């Protein structure tokens, strides 16, 4: 009897995990639609962003992966307001990284928001104290993309 109760509980947990995954997929699809609506093209490179408040890092990474698989020629900025600061992440597909230097982009972004951070080939992250306006982030990236040329 006790073992049967444990099996039922595990079955219920499995169902809940399935529901959570389904809700997460639905949220990601909604966020992808929102990000696509605000995407602009600068010198042949797409740019979009999402702004979150205390969002889970795993969710952000899954969203970025899904978005870039659908829109591979895009710079994706994620701004996540946490506590008394702001973390920001920039994602590039390998294709976009051939034209856009994430390290140079992060240097400009860090300077514009008085933040600290760095990057590898396709991913950059930083942190700024306080909550700089989203326009500060987007303006810095748009200016950078405007400077790279359209070749």
C-alpha atoms as a PDB file:
ATOM      1  CA  UNK A   1       0.000   0.000   0.000  1.00  0.00           C
ATOM      2  CA  UNK A   2       2.782   2.424   0.936  1.00  0.00           C
ATOM      3  CA  UNK A   3       4.651   1.623  -2.280  1.00  0.00           C
ATOM      4  CA  UNK A   4       1.500   2.222  -4.324  1.00  0.00           C
ATOM      5  CA  UNK A   5       1.142   5.662  -2.706  1.00  0.00           C
ATOM      6  CA  UNK A   6       4.721   6.557  -3.614  1.00  0.00           C
ATOM      7  CA  UNK A   7       4.180   5.424  -7.218  1.00  0.00           C
ATOM      8  CA  UNK A   8       1.039   7.558  -7.463  1.00  0.00           C
ATOM      9  CA  UNK A   9       2.903  10.536  -6.040  1.00  0.00           C
ATOM     10  CA  UNK A  10       5.729  10.085  -8.554  1.00  0.00           C
ATOM     11  CA  UNK A  11       3.169   9.825 -11.336  1.00  0.00           C
ATOM     12  CA  UNK A  12       1.578  13.098 -10.173  1.00  0.00           C
ATOM     13  CA  UNK A  13       5.006  14.764 -10.080  1.00  0.00           C
ATOM     14  CA  UNK A  14       5.646  13.571 -13.632  1.00  0.00           C
ATOM     15  CA  UNK A  15       2.351  15.061 -14.784  1.00  0.00           C
ATOM     16  CA  UNK A  16       3.183  18.363 -13.072  1.00  0.00           C
ATOM     17  CA  UNK A  17       6.600  18.460 -14.749  1.00  0.00           C
ATOM     18  CA  UNK A  18       4.902  17.904 -18.084  1.00  0.00           C
ATOM     19  CA  UNK A  19       2.490  20.772 -17.423  1.00  0.00           C
ATOM     20  CA  UNK A  20       5.338  23.067 -16.370  1.00  0.00           C
ATOM     21  CA  UNK A  21       7.257  22.248 -19.554  1.00  0.00           C
ATOM     22  CA  UNK A  22       4.149  22.923 -21.647  1.00  0.00           C
ATOM     23  CA  UNK A  23       3.606  26.284 -19.932  1.00  0.00           C
ATOM     24  CA  UNK A  24       7.275  27.174 -20.418  1.00  0.00           C
ATOM     25  CA  UNK A  25       7.055  26.332 -24.152  1.00  0.00           C
ATOM     26  CA  UNK A  26       3.933  28.482 -24.424  1.00  0.00           C
ATOM     27  CA  UNK A  27       5.675  31.391 -22.659  1.00  0.00           C
ATOM     28  CA  UNK A  28       8.727  31.044 -24.919  1.00  0.00           C
ATOM     29  CA  UNK A  29       6.519  31.096 -28.016  1.00  0.00           C
ATOM     30  CA  UNK A  30       4.855  34.281 -26.742  1.00  0.00           C
ATOM     31  CA  UNK A  31       8.206  35.896 -26.047  1.00  0.00           C
ATOM     32  CA  UNK A  32       9.498  34.894 -29.486  1.00  0.00           C
ATOM     33  CA  UNK A  33       6.495  36.573 -31.095  1.00  0.00           C
ATOM     34  CA  UNK A  34       7.074  39.730 -29.024  1.00  0.00           C
ATOM     35  CA  UNK A  35      10.788  39.823 -29.866  1.00  0.00           C
ATOM     36  CA  UNK A  36      10.082  39.291 -33.579  1.00  0.00           C
ATOM     37  CA  UNK A  37       7.615  42.175 -33.541  1.00  0.00           C
ATOM     38  CA  UNK A  38      10.271  44.576 -32.280  1.00  0.00           C
ATOM     39  CA  UNK A  39      13.141  43.242 -34.411  1.00  0.00           C
ATOM     40  CA  UNK A  40      14.836  45.788 -36.651  1.00  0.00           C
ATOM     41  CA  UNK A  41      17.569  45.354 -39.248  1.00  0.00           C
ATOM     42  CA  UNK A  42      20.711  47.484 -39.188  1.00  0.00           C
ATOM     43  CA  UNK A  43      23.379  46.981 -41.843  1.00  0.00           C
ATOM     44  CA  UNK A  44      21.954  43.570 -42.696  1.00  0.00           C
ATOM     45  CA  UNK A  45      21.908  42.318 -39.084  1.00  0.00           C
ATOM     46  CA  UNK A  46      18.702  41.865 -37.108  1.00  0.00           C
ATOM     47  CA  UNK A  47      18.457  43.287 -33.600  1.00  0.00           C
ATOM     48  CA  UNK A  48      15.865  42.710 -30.926  1.00  0.00           C
ATOM     49  CA  UNK A  49      15.611  42.621 -27.170  1.00  0.00           C
ATOM     50  CA  UNK A  50      13.570  41.354 -24.255  1.00  0.00           C
ATOM     51  CA  UNK A  51      13.354  42.893 -20.799  1.00  0.00           C
ATOM     52  CA  UNK A  52      12.595  40.760 -17.748  1.00  0.00           C
ATOM     53  CA  UNK A  53      12.258  41.163 -14.003  1.00  0.00           C
ATOM     54  CA  UNK A  54      13.980  38.446 -11.920  1.00  0.00           C
ATOM     55  CA  UNK A  55      13.606  35.866 -14.689  1.00  0.00           C
ATOM     56  CA  UNK A  56      15.081  32.401 -14.308  1.00  0.00           C
ATOM     57  CA  UNK A  57      18.421  32.011 -16.107  1.00  0.00           C
ATOM     58  CA  UNK A  58      17.422  28.630 -17.564  1.00  0.00           C
ATOM     59  CA  UNK A  59      14.320  30.167 -19.107  1.00  0.00           C
ATOM     60  CA  UNK A  60      16.396  32.979 -20.615  1.00  0.00           C
ATOM     61  CA  UNK A  61      18.881  30.536 -22.133  1.00  0.00           C
ATOM     62  CA  UNK A  62      16.112  28.359 -23.576  1.00  0.00           C
ATOM     63  CA  UNK A  63      14.371  31.417 -25.034  1.00  0.00           C
ATOM     64  CA  UNK A  64      17.632  32.666 -26.601  1.00  0.00           C
ATOM     65  CA  UNK A  65      18.355  29.259 -28.122  1.00  0.00           C
ATOM     66  CA  UNK A  66      14.859  29.035 -29.613  1.00  0.00           C
ATOM     67  CA  UNK A  67      14.935  32.609 -30.902  1.00  0.00           C
ATOM     68  CA  UNK A  68      18.299  32.310 -32.610  1.00  0.00           C
ATOM     69  CA  UNK A  69      17.301  29.016 -34.205  1.00  0.00           C
ATOM     70  CA  UNK A  70      14.344  30.839 -35.781  1.00  0.00           C
ATOM     71  CA  UNK A  71      16.237  34.097 -36.511  1.00  0.00           C
ATOM     72  CA  UNK A  72      19.925  33.192 -37.019  1.00  0.00           C
ATOM     73  CA  UNK A  73      21.085  36.578 -38.363  1.00  0.00           C
ATOM     74  CA  UNK A  74      20.157  38.453 -35.206  1.00  0.00           C
ATOM     75  CA  UNK A  75      21.737  40.112 -32.190  1.00  0.00           C
ATOM     76  CA  UNK A  76      19.553  39.274 -29.206  1.00  0.00           C
ATOM     77  CA  UNK A  77      19.775  41.414 -26.062  1.00  0.00           C
ATOM     78  CA  UNK A  78      18.270  40.206 -22.797  1.00  0.00           C
ATOM     79  CA  UNK A  79      17.988  42.691 -19.930  1.00  0.00           C
ATOM     80  CA  UNK A  80      17.047  41.131 -16.591  1.00  0.00           C
ATOM     81  CA  UNK A  81      16.327  43.410 -13.626  1.00  0.00           C
ATOM     82  CA  UNK A  82      17.548  41.671 -10.461  1.00  0.00           C
ATOM     83  CA  UNK A  83      17.582  43.146  -6.970  1.00  0.00           C
ATOM     84  CA  UNK A  84      19.169  46.586  -7.146  1.00  0.00           C
ATOM     85  CA  UNK A  85      20.958  45.934 -10.424  1.00  0.00           C
ATOM     86  CA  UNK A  86      20.628  44.803 -14.005  1.00  0.00           C
ATOM     87  CA  UNK A  87      22.189  41.812 -15.678  1.00  0.00           C
ATOM     88  CA  UNK A  88      22.386  41.862 -19.436  1.00  0.00           C
ATOM     89  CA  UNK A  89      23.196  39.169 -21.936  1.00  0.00           C
ATOM     90  CA  UNK A  90      23.881  39.373 -25.653  1.00  0.00           C
ATOM     91  CA  UNK A  91      23.460  36.297 -27.831  1.00  0.00           C
ATOM     92  CA  UNK A  92      24.694  35.808 -31.410  1.00  0.00           C
ATOM     93  CA  UNK A  93      24.398  32.876 -33.756  1.00  0.00           C
ATOM     94  CA  UNK A  94      27.711  31.571 -35.150  1.00  0.00           C
ATOM     95  CA  UNK A  95      26.654  33.115 -38.490  1.00  0.00           C
ATOM     96  CA  UNK A  96      26.228  36.580 -36.951  1.00  0.00           C
ATOM     97  CA  UNK A  97      29.471  36.253 -34.989  1.00  0.00           C
ATOM     98  CA  UNK A  98      31.349  36.264 -38.314  1.00  0.00           C
ATOM     99  CA  UNK A  99      30.312  39.925 -38.740  1.00  0.00           C
ATOM    100  CA  UNK A 100      29.788  41.125 -35.166  1.00  0.00           C
ATOM    101  CA  UNK A 101      32.503  41.114 -32.494  1.00  0.00           C
ATOM    102  CA  UNK A 102      30.794  40.305 -29.212  1.00  0.00           C
ATOM    103  CA  UNK A 103      33.804  41.628 -27.285  1.00  0.00           C
ATOM    104  CA  UNK A 104      33.658  45.025 -29.003  1.00  0.00           C
ATOM    105  CA  UNK A 105      29.890  45.142 -28.631  1.00  0.00           C
ATOM    106  CA  UNK A 106      30.124  44.319 -24.903  1.00  0.00           C
ATOM    107  CA  UNK A 107      32.809  46.981 -24.401  1.00  0.00           C
ATOM    108  CA  UNK A 108      30.479  49.626 -25.876  1.00  0.00           C
ATOM    109  CA  UNK A 109      27.505  48.318 -23.949  1.00  0.00           C
ATOM    110  CA  UNK A 110      29.440  48.254 -20.669  1.00  0.00           C
ATOM    111  CA  UNK A 111      30.559  51.849 -21.202  1.00  0.00           C
ATOM    112  CA  UNK A 112      27.038  53.027 -21.979  1.00  0.00           C
ATOM    113  CA  UNK A 113      25.477  51.554 -18.817  1.00  0.00           C
ATOM    114  CA  UNK A 114      28.530  51.840 -16.542  1.00  0.00           C
ATOM    115  CA  UNK A 115      28.611  48.062 -16.261  1.00  0.00           C
ATOM    116  CA  UNK A 116      31.178  45.310 -16.208  1.00  0.00           C
ATOM    117  CA  UNK A 117      31.242  42.187 -18.301  1.00  0.00           C
ATOM    118  CA  UNK A 118      32.729  40.382 -21.226  1.00  0.00           C
ATOM    119  CA  UNK A 119      32.082  37.829 -23.874  1.00  0.00           C
ATOM    120  CA  UNK A 120      33.157  34.877 -25.922  1.00  0.00           C
ATOM    121  CA  UNK A 121      32.409  34.356 -29.608  1.00  0.00           C
ATOM    122  CA  UNK A 122      28.613  34.118 -29.467  1.00  0.00           C
ATOM    123  CA  UNK A 123      27.662  35.173 -25.927  1.00  0.00           C
ATOM    124  CA  UNK A 124      28.349  38.140 -23.705  1.00  0.00           C
ATOM    125  CA  UNK A 125      27.117  39.065 -20.256  1.00  0.00           C
ATOM    126  CA  UNK A 126      27.460  42.000 -17.918  1.00  0.00           C
ATOM    127  CA  UNK A 127      26.069  43.621 -14.808  1.00  0.00           C
ATOM    128  CA  UNK A 128      25.262  47.222 -13.962  1.00  0.00           C
ATOM    129  CA  UNK A 129      24.266  48.706 -10.623  1.00  0.00           C
ATOM    130  CA  UNK A 130      20.836  50.280 -10.651  1.00  0.00           C
ATOM    131  CA  UNK A 131      18.371  50.013 -13.491  1.00  0.00           C
ATOM    132  CA  UNK A 132      19.530  51.892 -16.583  1.00  0.00           C
ATOM    133  CA  UNK A 133      16.677  52.571 -19.027  1.00  0.00           C
ATOM    134  CA  UNK A 134      16.194  49.983 -21.759  1.00  0.00           C
ATOM    135  CA  UNK A 135      16.766  52.735 -24.342  1.00  0.00           C
ATOM    136  CA  UNK A 136      20.340  53.103 -23.085  1.00  0.00           C
ATOM    137  CA  UNK A 137      21.022  49.456 -23.911  1.00  0.00           C
ATOM    138  CA  UNK A 138      19.242  49.452 -27.260  1.00  0.00           C
ATOM    139  CA  UNK A 139      20.790  52.741 -28.414  1.00  0.00           C
ATOM    140  CA  UNK A 140      24.294  51.445 -27.702  1.00  0.00           C
ATOM    141  CA  UNK A 141      23.713  48.267 -29.702  1.00  0.00           C
ATOM    142  CA  UNK A 142      22.041  50.096 -32.592  1.00  0.00           C
ATOM    143  CA  UNK A 143      24.968  52.555 -32.766  1.00  0.00           C
ATOM    144  CA  UNK A 144      27.439  49.673 -32.744  1.00  0.00           C
ATOM    145  CA  UNK A 145      25.605  47.785 -35.495  1.00  0.00           C
ATOM    146  CA  UNK A 146      25.417  51.029 -37.485  1.00  0.00           C
ATOM    147  CA  UNK A 147      29.203  51.241 -37.364  1.00  0.00           C
ATOM    148  CA  UNK A 148      30.032  47.757 -38.684  1.00  0.00           C
ATOM    149  CA  UNK A 149      29.101  48.300 -42.323  1.00  0.00           C
ATOM    150  CA  UNK A 150      26.853  46.156 -44.457  1.00  0.00           C
ATOM    151  CA  UNK A 151      29.441  43.967 -46.164  1.00  0.00           C
END
